[in-house]
Every structure is written in structure tokens, then in C-alpha cells.
């Protein structure tokens, strides 16, 4: 987990996600509604 004072440019999980792409490292994903009040923020 990055330090709280470090600016994160992309997804905060990109460094530990085995599926992360360059887009994940550069652009923060938007929240999406996946139903029943559940939200996800992922480019994949």
C-alpha cells in the first residue's frame, strides 16, 4: 500500500494487481455500478 502522502496517478491497486495494464498505471478508473448497490473501479 502506498504512503498516504504519495500522489497516485492511476489505480491504487495497479502495482499489486497481476492483470494491470499501462492504462491502469496512468489513469484512475471511474466507479461503475455493477448492480444491487455494488460499485467497482477497474478498467478490466
C-alpha atoms as a PDB file:
ATOM      1  CA  UNK A   1       0.000   0.000   0.000  1.00  0.00           C
ATOM      2  CA  UNK A   2       1.496   3.368  -0.968  1.00  0.00           C
ATOM      3  CA  UNK A   3       2.110   6.013   1.689  1.00  0.00           C
ATOM      4  CA  UNK A   4      -0.913   8.314   2.202  1.00  0.00           C
ATOM      5  CA  UNK A   5       1.081  11.395   1.133  1.00  0.00           C
ATOM      6  CA  UNK A   6       2.227   9.891  -2.196  1.00  0.00           C
ATOM      7  CA  UNK A   7       0.251  11.084  -5.231  1.00  0.00           C
ATOM      8  CA  UNK A   8      -1.296   8.164  -7.108  1.00  0.00           C
ATOM      9  CA  UNK A   9      -1.762   8.772 -10.826  1.00  0.00           C
ATOM     10  CA  UNK A  10      -3.517   5.563 -11.778  1.00  0.00           C
ATOM     11  CA  UNK A  11      -5.338   2.783  -9.999  1.00  0.00           C
ATOM     12  CA  UNK A  12      -4.142   2.398  -6.410  1.00  0.00           C
ATOM     13  CA  UNK A  13      -4.058  -1.388  -6.862  1.00  0.00           C
ATOM     14  CA  UNK A  14      -2.059  -1.422 -10.133  1.00  0.00           C
ATOM     15  CA  UNK A  15       1.269  -2.326  -8.518  1.00  0.00           C
ATOM     16  CA  UNK A  16      -0.127  -5.451  -6.873  1.00  0.00           C
ATOM     17  CA  UNK A  17      -2.689  -6.493  -9.492  1.00  0.00           C
ATOM     18  CA  UNK A  18      -1.435  -9.291 -11.788  1.00  0.00           C
ATOM     19  CA  UNK A  19      -3.794  -8.118 -14.565  1.00  0.00           C
ATOM     20  CA  UNK A  20      -2.784  -4.412 -14.503  1.00  0.00           C
ATOM     21  CA  UNK A  21      -2.067  -2.683 -17.811  1.00  0.00           C
ATOM     22  CA  UNK A  22      -0.343   0.604 -18.692  1.00  0.00           C
ATOM     23  CA  UNK A  23      -3.766   2.273 -18.635  1.00  0.00           C
ATOM     24  CA  UNK A  24      -4.200   1.118 -15.029  1.00  0.00           C
ATOM     25  CA  UNK A  25      -0.869   2.680 -14.066  1.00  0.00           C
ATOM     26  CA  UNK A  26      -1.614   6.013 -15.765  1.00  0.00           C
ATOM     27  CA  UNK A  27      -5.369   6.623 -15.446  1.00  0.00           C
ATOM     28  CA  UNK A  28      -7.569   6.235 -12.371  1.00  0.00           C
ATOM     29  CA  UNK A  29     -10.661   4.142 -13.207  1.00  0.00           C
ATOM     30  CA  UNK A  30     -14.154   5.563 -12.718  1.00  0.00           C
ATOM     31  CA  UNK A  31     -16.713   3.915 -10.468  1.00  0.00           C
ATOM     32  CA  UNK A  32     -19.236   1.672 -12.245  1.00  0.00           C
ATOM     33  CA  UNK A  33     -22.476   0.295 -10.848  1.00  0.00           C
ATOM     34  CA  UNK A  34     -22.476  -3.493 -11.169  1.00  0.00           C
ATOM     35  CA  UNK A  35     -25.871  -3.997  -9.555  1.00  0.00           C
ATOM     36  CA  UNK A  36     -27.550  -4.250  -6.168  1.00  0.00           C
ATOM     37  CA  UNK A  37     -25.725  -1.182  -4.867  1.00  0.00           C
ATOM     38  CA  UNK A  38     -22.240  -2.517  -5.639  1.00  0.00           C
ATOM     39  CA  UNK A  39     -19.672  -0.268  -7.295  1.00  0.00           C
ATOM     40  CA  UNK A  40     -16.314  -1.164  -8.855  1.00  0.00           C
ATOM     41  CA  UNK A  41     -13.464   0.955 -10.149  1.00  0.00           C
ATOM     42  CA  UNK A  42     -11.498  -1.105 -12.674  1.00  0.00           C
ATOM     43  CA  UNK A  43     -10.509  -0.752 -16.328  1.00  0.00           C
ATOM     44  CA  UNK A  44     -10.731  -4.511 -16.906  1.00  0.00           C
END
